Amino acid sequence: MKFSDLGLLFDGPHATPKRLDNGPYYLNITSLDSGRLDLESSDHVSEAEYTRWTKRVIPQEDDLLFSYETRLGEAALMPPGIRACLGRRMALLRPDRKVVHPKFLLYYYLSPKFQGLIDQRTVLGATVPRILLSEMPDWPVHVPSLPDQQAIAEVLGALDDKIAANRKL
């Protein structure tokens, strides 16, 4: 299948708002850390900026957040109950749950196979490396059945949680 079969793809505005110390979160590429969303590394925006920055999309629970410029290959799932807008160089895939399990999607995105695809499709421009979101919907993907995805996500999720707990210690 194609990447577009997995869900709907959105990107944020191609500008930078005034950042604040409080208010709704502004998710930028430094918010992504090895498959996890680090809200402590995220900035904030005013309510007015939040309204402006969420005209295209409001990140929802289990959306796959990823960077399409600079820090390529980084991704995380959007946690529940967080008011946030996508920052510059950030995109999200809203998974179609009839096709892909969100946690499996995250691990698939972070897998060596998909990371290799990102490397193959990286455009080395004059400023920063990037992937073309206009071409990403046509990227080939290979996903197992939903029951297999669920089983894989449970095993990898348990291991990932253990790794995160060990890092905190």
N, C-alpha and C. Protein backbone atom coordinates (compact mmCIF):
# COMPACT_ATOMS: atom_id res chain seq x y z
N MET A 1 0.84 -1.18 0.00
CA MET A 1 0.00 0.00 0.00
C MET A 1 0.88 1.24 0.00
N LYS A 2 0.24 2.40 -0.04
CA LYS A 2 0.98 3.66 -0.02
C LYS A 2 0.82 4.32 1.35
N PHE A 3 1.74 5.23 1.66
CA PHE A 3 1.69 5.95 2.92
C PHE A 3 0.34 6.64 3.11
N SER A 4 -0.24 7.17 2.04
CA SER A 4 -1.53 7.85 2.13
C SER A 4 -2.66 6.92 2.55
N ASP A 5 -2.50 5.60 2.36
CA ASP A 5 -3.51 4.64 2.77
C ASP A 5 -3.58 4.51 4.29
N LEU A 6 -2.56 4.99 4.99
CA LEU A 6 -2.49 4.86 6.44
C LEU A 6 -3.28 5.93 7.18
N GLY A 7 -3.61 7.04 6.50
CA GLY A 7 -4.35 8.11 7.16
C GLY A 7 -4.20 9.43 6.42
N LEU A 8 -4.56 10.51 7.11
CA LEU A 8 -4.53 11.84 6.52
C LEU A 8 -3.28 12.58 6.96
N LEU A 9 -2.61 13.22 6.02
CA LEU A 9 -1.35 13.91 6.25
C LEU A 9 -1.59 15.42 6.31
N PHE A 10 -1.03 16.08 7.34
CA PHE A 10 -1.14 17.52 7.51
C PHE A 10 0.23 18.07 7.89
N ASP A 11 0.47 19.33 7.56
CA ASP A 11 1.65 20.02 8.08
C ASP A 11 1.20 21.33 8.72
N GLY A 12 2.10 21.93 9.47
CA GLY A 12 1.79 23.18 10.14
C GLY A 12 2.11 24.37 9.25
N PRO A 13 1.82 25.57 9.74
CA PRO A 13 2.16 26.78 8.99
C PRO A 13 3.67 26.88 8.77
N HIS A 14 4.04 27.55 7.71
CA HIS A 14 5.45 27.68 7.35
C HIS A 14 5.98 29.03 7.83
N ALA A 15 5.84 29.25 9.12
CA ALA A 15 6.29 30.49 9.75
C ALA A 15 6.56 30.18 11.21
N THR A 16 6.95 31.18 11.97
CA THR A 16 7.23 31.00 13.39
C THR A 16 6.45 32.02 14.19
N PRO A 17 5.62 31.56 15.16
CA PRO A 17 4.87 32.51 15.97
C PRO A 17 5.73 33.07 17.10
N LYS A 18 5.20 34.07 17.78
CA LYS A 18 5.85 34.57 19.00
C LYS A 18 5.66 33.49 20.07
N ARG A 19 6.75 33.07 20.67
CA ARG A 19 6.69 32.01 21.68
C ARG A 19 6.63 32.60 23.07
N LEU A 20 5.87 31.92 23.93
CA LEU A 20 5.66 32.38 25.30
C LEU A 20 6.09 31.30 26.29
N ASP A 21 6.01 31.64 27.58
CA ASP A 21 6.35 30.68 28.64
C ASP A 21 5.15 29.85 29.08
N ASN A 22 3.94 30.27 28.70
CA ASN A 22 2.75 29.48 29.03
C ASN A 22 1.71 29.66 27.95
N GLY A 23 0.66 28.85 28.02
CA GLY A 23 -0.37 28.83 27.00
C GLY A 23 -0.36 27.49 26.29
N PRO A 24 -1.13 27.33 25.22
CA PRO A 24 -1.12 26.07 24.47
C PRO A 24 0.29 25.74 23.97
N TYR A 25 0.57 24.46 23.86
CA TYR A 25 1.90 24.04 23.41
C TYR A 25 2.12 24.32 21.93
N TYR A 26 3.33 24.68 21.63
CA TYR A 26 3.83 24.83 20.26
C TYR A 26 4.81 23.69 20.05
N LEU A 27 4.41 22.69 19.29
CA LEU A 27 5.22 21.49 19.09
C LEU A 27 6.24 21.72 18.00
N ASN A 28 7.50 21.76 18.37
CA ASN A 28 8.55 21.96 17.39
C ASN A 28 9.42 20.71 17.31
N ILE A 29 10.40 20.73 16.43
CA ILE A 29 11.19 19.52 16.21
C ILE A 29 11.99 19.10 17.44
N THR A 30 12.28 20.03 18.34
CA THR A 30 12.97 19.63 19.57
C THR A 30 12.03 18.93 20.55
N SER A 31 10.73 18.96 20.28
CA SER A 31 9.75 18.27 21.11
C SER A 31 9.80 16.75 20.89
N LEU A 32 10.41 16.32 19.80
CA LEU A 32 10.48 14.90 19.45
C LEU A 32 11.79 14.32 19.97
N ASP A 33 11.67 13.23 20.74
CA ASP A 33 12.86 12.63 21.33
C ASP A 33 12.75 11.11 21.35
N SER A 34 13.32 10.47 20.35
CA SER A 34 13.40 9.01 20.29
C SER A 34 12.06 8.32 20.49
N GLY A 35 11.05 8.78 19.76
CA GLY A 35 9.74 8.15 19.82
C GLY A 35 8.81 8.68 20.89
N ARG A 36 9.26 9.67 21.62
CA ARG A 36 8.44 10.26 22.68
C ARG A 36 8.30 11.76 22.45
N LEU A 37 7.18 12.31 22.93
CA LEU A 37 6.94 13.74 22.85
C LEU A 37 7.41 14.36 24.16
N ASP A 38 8.38 15.23 24.08
CA ASP A 38 8.96 15.90 25.26
C ASP A 38 8.34 17.29 25.37
N LEU A 39 7.30 17.40 26.16
CA LEU A 39 6.61 18.69 26.30
C LEU A 39 7.45 19.72 27.03
N GLU A 40 8.41 19.27 27.83
CA GLU A 40 9.29 20.22 28.51
C GLU A 40 10.20 20.95 27.52
N SER A 41 10.42 20.36 26.35
CA SER A 41 11.23 21.00 25.31
C SER A 41 10.38 21.81 24.34
N SER A 42 9.08 21.86 24.60
CA SER A 42 8.16 22.58 23.73
C SER A 42 7.93 23.99 24.25
N ASP A 43 7.67 24.89 23.34
CA ASP A 43 7.34 26.26 23.70
C ASP A 43 5.82 26.38 23.82
N HIS A 44 5.36 27.59 24.03
CA HIS A 44 3.93 27.87 24.15
C HIS A 44 3.60 29.06 23.25
N VAL A 45 2.31 29.19 22.94
CA VAL A 45 1.83 30.33 22.16
C VAL A 45 0.60 30.92 22.84
N SER A 46 0.25 32.13 22.44
CA SER A 46 -0.95 32.79 22.97
C SER A 46 -2.19 32.11 22.41
N GLU A 47 -3.34 32.40 23.01
CA GLU A 47 -4.61 31.86 22.51
C GLU A 47 -4.88 32.33 21.08
N ALA A 48 -4.53 33.58 20.79
CA ALA A 48 -4.74 34.12 19.43
C ALA A 48 -3.86 33.38 18.43
N GLU A 49 -2.59 33.16 18.78
CA GLU A 49 -1.69 32.41 17.89
C GLU A 49 -2.17 30.97 17.74
N TYR A 50 -2.64 30.38 18.83
CA TYR A 50 -3.14 29.00 18.77
C TYR A 50 -4.28 28.89 17.76
N THR A 51 -5.21 29.83 17.80
CA THR A 51 -6.33 29.83 16.85
C THR A 51 -5.81 29.94 15.42
N ARG A 52 -4.85 30.81 15.21
CA ARG A 52 -4.28 30.99 13.86
C ARG A 52 -3.53 29.74 13.41
N TRP A 53 -2.78 29.13 14.31
CA TRP A 53 -1.92 28.00 13.97
C TRP A 53 -2.67 26.67 13.89
N THR A 54 -3.92 26.64 14.31
CA THR A 54 -4.68 25.39 14.22
C THR A 54 -5.78 25.46 13.17
N LYS A 55 -5.72 26.43 12.27
CA LYS A 55 -6.72 26.51 11.20
C LYS A 55 -6.68 25.28 10.30
N ARG A 56 -5.48 24.77 10.03
CA ARG A 56 -5.32 23.62 9.15
C ARG A 56 -5.60 22.30 9.87
N VAL A 57 -5.09 22.18 11.09
CA VAL A 57 -5.27 20.94 11.84
C VAL A 57 -4.99 21.19 13.32
N ILE A 58 -5.76 20.50 14.18
CA ILE A 58 -5.51 20.49 15.62
C ILE A 58 -5.00 19.10 15.95
N PRO A 59 -3.78 18.96 16.46
CA PRO A 59 -3.27 17.65 16.82
C PRO A 59 -4.19 16.95 17.83
N GLN A 60 -4.48 15.67 17.57
CA GLN A 60 -5.35 14.87 18.42
C GLN A 60 -4.60 13.66 18.95
N GLU A 61 -5.16 13.06 19.99
CA GLU A 61 -4.58 11.86 20.57
C GLU A 61 -4.29 10.82 19.49
N ASP A 62 -3.10 10.24 19.55
CA ASP A 62 -2.63 9.18 18.65
C ASP A 62 -2.28 9.63 17.25
N ASP A 63 -2.30 10.93 16.97
CA ASP A 63 -1.74 11.40 15.71
C ASP A 63 -0.23 11.13 15.74
N LEU A 64 0.33 10.73 14.61
CA LEU A 64 1.77 10.54 14.50
C LEU A 64 2.39 11.89 14.15
N LEU A 65 3.18 12.43 15.05
CA LEU A 65 3.88 13.70 14.84
C LEU A 65 5.27 13.38 14.32
N PHE A 66 5.72 14.12 13.32
CA PHE A 66 7.07 13.89 12.81
C PHE A 66 7.65 15.15 12.18
N SER A 67 8.97 15.14 12.08
CA SER A 67 9.70 16.25 11.48
C SER A 67 9.93 15.96 10.01
N TYR A 68 9.70 16.94 9.16
CA TYR A 68 9.97 16.74 7.73
C TYR A 68 11.17 17.58 7.26
N GLU A 69 11.80 18.29 8.17
CA GLU A 69 13.03 19.03 7.87
C GLU A 69 13.97 18.95 9.06
N THR A 70 15.25 19.01 8.78
CA THR A 70 16.33 19.06 9.77
C THR A 70 16.50 17.75 10.52
N ARG A 71 15.70 17.47 11.52
CA ARG A 71 15.83 16.26 12.34
C ARG A 71 14.94 15.17 11.76
N LEU A 72 15.31 14.69 10.59
CA LEU A 72 14.49 13.70 9.90
C LEU A 72 14.49 12.37 10.64
N GLY A 73 13.36 11.70 10.58
CA GLY A 73 13.24 10.38 11.20
C GLY A 73 12.71 10.42 12.61
N GLU A 74 12.62 11.59 13.21
CA GLU A 74 12.07 11.71 14.56
C GLU A 74 10.54 11.68 14.49
N ALA A 75 9.92 11.01 15.48
CA ALA A 75 8.47 10.91 15.52
C ALA A 75 8.01 10.62 16.94
N ALA A 76 6.73 10.88 17.20
CA ALA A 76 6.10 10.58 18.48
C ALA A 76 4.59 10.56 18.26
N LEU A 77 3.88 9.96 19.20
CA LEU A 77 2.42 10.00 19.17
C LEU A 77 1.94 11.15 20.04
N MET A 78 0.87 11.79 19.60
CA MET A 78 0.27 12.87 20.38
C MET A 78 -0.46 12.26 21.57
N PRO A 79 -0.12 12.70 22.79
CA PRO A 79 -0.80 12.18 23.98
C PRO A 79 -2.19 12.78 24.14
N PRO A 80 -3.02 12.17 24.99
CA PRO A 80 -4.38 12.70 25.20
C PRO A 80 -4.36 13.97 26.06
N GLY A 81 -5.38 14.80 25.88
CA GLY A 81 -5.60 15.94 26.76
C GLY A 81 -4.62 17.08 26.64
N ILE A 82 -3.92 17.21 25.53
CA ILE A 82 -2.93 18.27 25.35
C ILE A 82 -3.44 19.23 24.27
N ARG A 83 -3.47 20.53 24.59
CA ARG A 83 -3.80 21.54 23.59
C ARG A 83 -2.50 21.99 22.96
N ALA A 84 -2.38 21.77 21.66
CA ALA A 84 -1.12 22.08 20.99
C ALA A 84 -1.37 22.39 19.53
N CYS A 85 -0.39 23.08 18.95
CA CYS A 85 -0.39 23.32 17.51
C CYS A 85 0.93 22.83 16.95
N LEU A 86 0.89 22.47 15.68
CA LEU A 86 2.11 22.03 15.00
C LEU A 86 3.03 23.21 14.77
N GLY A 87 4.29 22.97 15.03
CA GLY A 87 5.29 23.99 14.78
C GLY A 87 5.83 23.89 13.36
N ARG A 88 6.72 24.80 13.08
CA ARG A 88 7.39 24.82 11.78
C ARG A 88 8.19 23.53 11.60
N ARG A 89 8.20 23.00 10.39
CA ARG A 89 8.93 21.77 10.04
C ARG A 89 8.33 20.53 10.67
N MET A 90 7.09 20.64 11.16
CA MET A 90 6.40 19.51 11.77
C MET A 90 5.19 19.13 10.93
N ALA A 91 4.91 17.84 10.91
CA ALA A 91 3.73 17.32 10.22
C ALA A 91 3.11 16.26 11.10
N LEU A 92 1.91 15.83 10.71
CA LEU A 92 1.28 14.73 11.42
C LEU A 92 0.52 13.86 10.43
N LEU A 93 0.43 12.60 10.79
CA LEU A 93 -0.41 11.66 10.06
C LEU A 93 -1.50 11.23 11.04
N ARG A 94 -2.75 11.51 10.69
CA ARG A 94 -3.88 11.06 11.50
C ARG A 94 -4.23 9.66 11.01
N PRO A 95 -3.90 8.64 11.82
CA PRO A 95 -4.05 7.26 11.34
C PRO A 95 -5.51 6.85 11.13
N ASP A 96 -5.71 6.08 10.07
CA ASP A 96 -7.00 5.44 9.82
C ASP A 96 -6.97 4.14 10.62
N ARG A 97 -7.72 4.09 11.70
CA ARG A 97 -7.68 2.96 12.62
C ARG A 97 -8.23 1.67 12.02
N LYS A 98 -8.87 1.76 10.87
CA LYS A 98 -9.31 0.54 10.17
C LYS A 98 -8.15 -0.09 9.42
N VAL A 99 -7.05 0.67 9.28
CA VAL A 99 -5.90 0.22 8.50
C VAL A 99 -4.66 0.02 9.37
N VAL A 100 -4.45 0.95 10.33
CA VAL A 100 -3.21 0.92 11.09
C VAL A 100 -3.44 1.27 12.56
N HIS A 101 -2.81 0.51 13.43
CA HIS A 101 -2.84 0.77 14.87
C HIS A 101 -1.84 1.90 15.16
N PRO A 102 -2.25 2.96 15.89
CA PRO A 102 -1.36 4.11 16.09
C PRO A 102 0.02 3.76 16.66
N LYS A 103 0.07 2.91 17.69
CA LYS A 103 1.39 2.57 18.26
C LYS A 103 2.23 1.78 17.27
N PHE A 104 1.59 0.89 16.52
CA PHE A 104 2.35 0.18 15.49
C PHE A 104 2.89 1.17 14.48
N LEU A 105 2.08 2.16 14.09
CA LEU A 105 2.50 3.17 13.13
C LEU A 105 3.75 3.89 13.62
N LEU A 106 3.78 4.25 14.91
CA LEU A 106 4.97 4.90 15.47
C LEU A 106 6.19 4.00 15.33
N TYR A 107 6.07 2.73 15.74
CA TYR A 107 7.22 1.83 15.68
C TYR A 107 7.62 1.53 14.24
N TYR A 108 6.65 1.48 13.35
CA TYR A 108 6.96 1.28 11.93
C TYR A 108 7.75 2.48 11.40
N TYR A 109 7.31 3.70 11.76
CA TYR A 109 7.99 4.91 11.32
C TYR A 109 9.43 4.94 11.82
N LEU A 110 9.63 4.49 13.05
CA LEU A 110 10.96 4.50 13.66
C LEU A 110 11.82 3.30 13.25
N SER A 111 11.24 2.34 12.55
CA SER A 111 11.95 1.11 12.19
C SER A 111 13.08 1.38 11.20
N PRO A 112 14.11 0.53 11.22
CA PRO A 112 15.21 0.70 10.24
C PRO A 112 14.72 0.70 8.79
N LYS A 113 13.70 -0.09 8.49
CA LYS A 113 13.20 -0.14 7.12
C LYS A 113 12.63 1.22 6.68
N PHE A 114 11.77 1.82 7.51
CA PHE A 114 11.19 3.10 7.14
C PHE A 114 12.22 4.22 7.22
N GLN A 115 13.13 4.14 8.18
CA GLN A 115 14.20 5.14 8.27
C GLN A 115 15.07 5.10 7.00
N GLY A 116 15.27 3.90 6.46
CA GLY A 116 16.00 3.77 5.21
C GLY A 116 15.27 4.44 4.06
N LEU A 117 13.94 4.32 4.06
CA LEU A 117 13.13 4.98 3.04
C LEU A 117 13.24 6.50 3.17
N ILE A 118 13.24 6.98 4.40
CA ILE A 118 13.42 8.42 4.62
C ILE A 118 14.78 8.85 4.07
N ASP A 119 15.82 8.08 4.36
CA ASP A 119 17.16 8.41 3.85
C ASP A 119 17.19 8.45 2.32
N GLN A 120 16.51 7.49 1.69
CA GLN A 120 16.48 7.44 0.22
C GLN A 120 15.75 8.64 -0.36
N ARG A 121 14.73 9.12 0.32
CA ARG A 121 13.88 10.19 -0.20
C ARG A 121 14.27 11.58 0.30
N THR A 122 15.34 11.66 1.07
CA THR A 122 15.78 12.96 1.60
C THR A 122 16.30 13.85 0.48
N VAL A 123 15.85 15.09 0.50
CA VAL A 123 16.32 16.11 -0.43
C VAL A 123 17.34 16.95 0.31
N LEU A 124 18.54 17.00 -0.24
CA LEU A 124 19.59 17.81 0.38
C LEU A 124 19.57 19.17 -0.28
N GLY A 125 18.91 20.11 0.39
CA GLY A 125 18.76 21.45 -0.18
C GLY A 125 19.88 22.37 0.26
N ALA A 126 19.71 23.63 -0.07
CA ALA A 126 20.71 24.64 0.25
C ALA A 126 20.75 24.94 1.74
N THR A 127 19.64 24.70 2.44
CA THR A 127 19.61 25.04 3.86
C THR A 127 19.67 23.79 4.74
N VAL A 128 18.64 22.96 4.73
CA VAL A 128 18.58 21.79 5.61
C VAL A 128 18.05 20.58 4.83
N PRO A 129 18.40 19.37 5.27
CA PRO A 129 17.80 18.19 4.63
C PRO A 129 16.31 18.13 4.94
N ARG A 130 15.52 17.65 3.97
CA ARG A 130 14.07 17.57 4.16
C ARG A 130 13.49 16.44 3.34
N ILE A 131 12.27 16.07 3.68
CA ILE A 131 11.50 15.15 2.84
C ILE A 131 10.34 15.95 2.26
N LEU A 132 9.97 15.62 1.06
CA LEU A 132 8.91 16.35 0.38
C LEU A 132 7.55 15.77 0.77
N LEU A 133 6.77 16.54 1.52
CA LEU A 133 5.45 16.07 1.94
C LEU A 133 4.54 15.84 0.74
N SER A 134 4.79 16.54 -0.35
CA SER A 134 3.97 16.36 -1.55
C SER A 134 4.17 14.98 -2.17
N GLU A 135 5.33 14.36 -1.94
CA GLU A 135 5.62 13.03 -2.48
C GLU A 135 5.38 11.91 -1.47
N MET A 136 5.38 12.24 -0.19
CA MET A 136 5.26 11.23 0.86
C MET A 136 4.02 10.35 0.74
N PRO A 137 2.86 10.88 0.33
CA PRO A 137 1.68 10.01 0.20
C PRO A 137 1.89 8.82 -0.73
N ASP A 138 2.80 8.92 -1.69
CA ASP A 138 3.05 7.84 -2.64
C ASP A 138 4.14 6.87 -2.19
N TRP A 139 4.74 7.09 -1.04
CA TRP A 139 5.78 6.19 -0.55
C TRP A 139 5.19 4.80 -0.30
N PRO A 140 5.91 3.76 -0.66
CA PRO A 140 5.41 2.40 -0.39
C PRO A 140 5.59 2.02 1.08
N VAL A 141 4.58 1.39 1.64
CA VAL A 141 4.65 0.87 3.00
C VAL A 141 4.13 -0.56 3.01
N HIS A 142 4.61 -1.31 3.99
CA HIS A 142 4.19 -2.71 4.13
C HIS A 142 3.79 -2.92 5.58
N VAL A 143 2.50 -3.10 5.82
CA VAL A 143 2.03 -3.31 7.19
C VAL A 143 1.26 -4.62 7.27
N PRO A 144 1.42 -5.32 8.40
CA PRO A 144 0.69 -6.58 8.58
C PRO A 144 -0.77 -6.33 8.92
N SER A 145 -1.51 -7.38 9.19
CA SER A 145 -2.92 -7.27 9.56
C SER A 145 -3.05 -6.52 10.89
N LEU A 146 -4.24 -5.98 11.15
CA LEU A 146 -4.46 -5.24 12.40
C LEU A 146 -4.20 -6.09 13.64
N PRO A 147 -4.64 -7.36 13.71
CA PRO A 147 -4.31 -8.15 14.90
C PRO A 147 -2.79 -8.32 15.10
N ASP A 148 -2.05 -8.50 14.02
CA ASP A 148 -0.60 -8.60 14.13
C ASP A 148 0.01 -7.26 14.56
N GLN A 149 -0.53 -6.17 14.04
CA GLN A 149 -0.05 -4.85 14.44
C GLN A 149 -0.26 -4.64 15.94
N GLN A 150 -1.44 -5.03 16.44
CA GLN A 150 -1.76 -4.89 17.86
C GLN A 150 -0.76 -5.68 18.71
N ALA A 151 -0.48 -6.90 18.32
CA ALA A 151 0.45 -7.74 19.07
C ALA A 151 1.87 -7.14 19.06
N ILE A 152 2.30 -6.67 17.91
CA ILE A 152 3.63 -6.06 17.79
C ILE A 152 3.70 -4.80 18.64
N ALA A 153 2.66 -3.97 18.58
CA ALA A 153 2.64 -2.72 19.35
C ALA A 153 2.68 -2.99 20.85
N GLU A 154 1.99 -4.04 21.31
CA GLU A 154 2.00 -4.36 22.74
C GLU A 154 3.39 -4.77 23.21
N VAL A 155 4.06 -5.62 22.44
CA VAL A 155 5.40 -6.08 22.82
C VAL A 155 6.39 -4.92 22.79
N LEU A 156 6.42 -4.20 21.68
CA LEU A 156 7.36 -3.08 21.57
C LEU A 156 7.05 -1.97 22.56
N GLY A 157 5.76 -1.74 22.82
CA GLY A 157 5.37 -0.73 23.80
C GLY A 157 5.87 -1.06 25.19
N ALA A 158 5.75 -2.32 25.59
CA ALA A 158 6.24 -2.74 26.90
C ALA A 158 7.75 -2.56 27.00
N LEU A 159 8.46 -2.93 25.95
CA LEU A 159 9.91 -2.75 25.95
C LEU A 159 10.29 -1.28 25.97
N ASP A 160 9.57 -0.47 25.20
CA ASP A 160 9.83 0.96 25.14
C ASP A 160 9.59 1.62 26.50
N ASP A 161 8.51 1.22 27.18
CA ASP A 161 8.22 1.76 28.50
C ASP A 161 9.31 1.38 29.50
N LYS A 162 9.82 0.17 29.40
CA LYS A 162 10.90 -0.27 30.30
C LYS A 162 12.17 0.53 30.04
N ILE A 163 12.49 0.77 28.78
CA ILE A 163 13.65 1.59 28.44
C ILE A 163 13.51 2.99 29.00
N ALA A 164 12.32 3.59 28.85
CA ALA A 164 12.09 4.94 29.36
C ALA A 164 12.21 4.97 30.88
N ALA A 165 11.70 3.96 31.56
CA ALA A 165 11.81 3.90 33.02
C ALA A 165 13.26 3.78 33.45
N ASN A 166 14.04 2.97 32.74
CA ASN A 166 15.45 2.81 33.05
C ASN A 166 16.24 4.11 32.83
N ARG A 167 15.87 4.85 31.79
CA ARG A 167 16.53 6.15 31.53
C ARG A 167 16.28 7.12 32.67
N LYS A 168 15.05 7.12 33.20
CA LYS A 168 14.73 8.03 34.30
C LYS A 168 15.53 7.69 35.55
N LEU A 169 15.74 6.39 35.78
CA LEU A 169 16.54 5.96 36.94
C LEU A 169 17.97 6.42 36.77
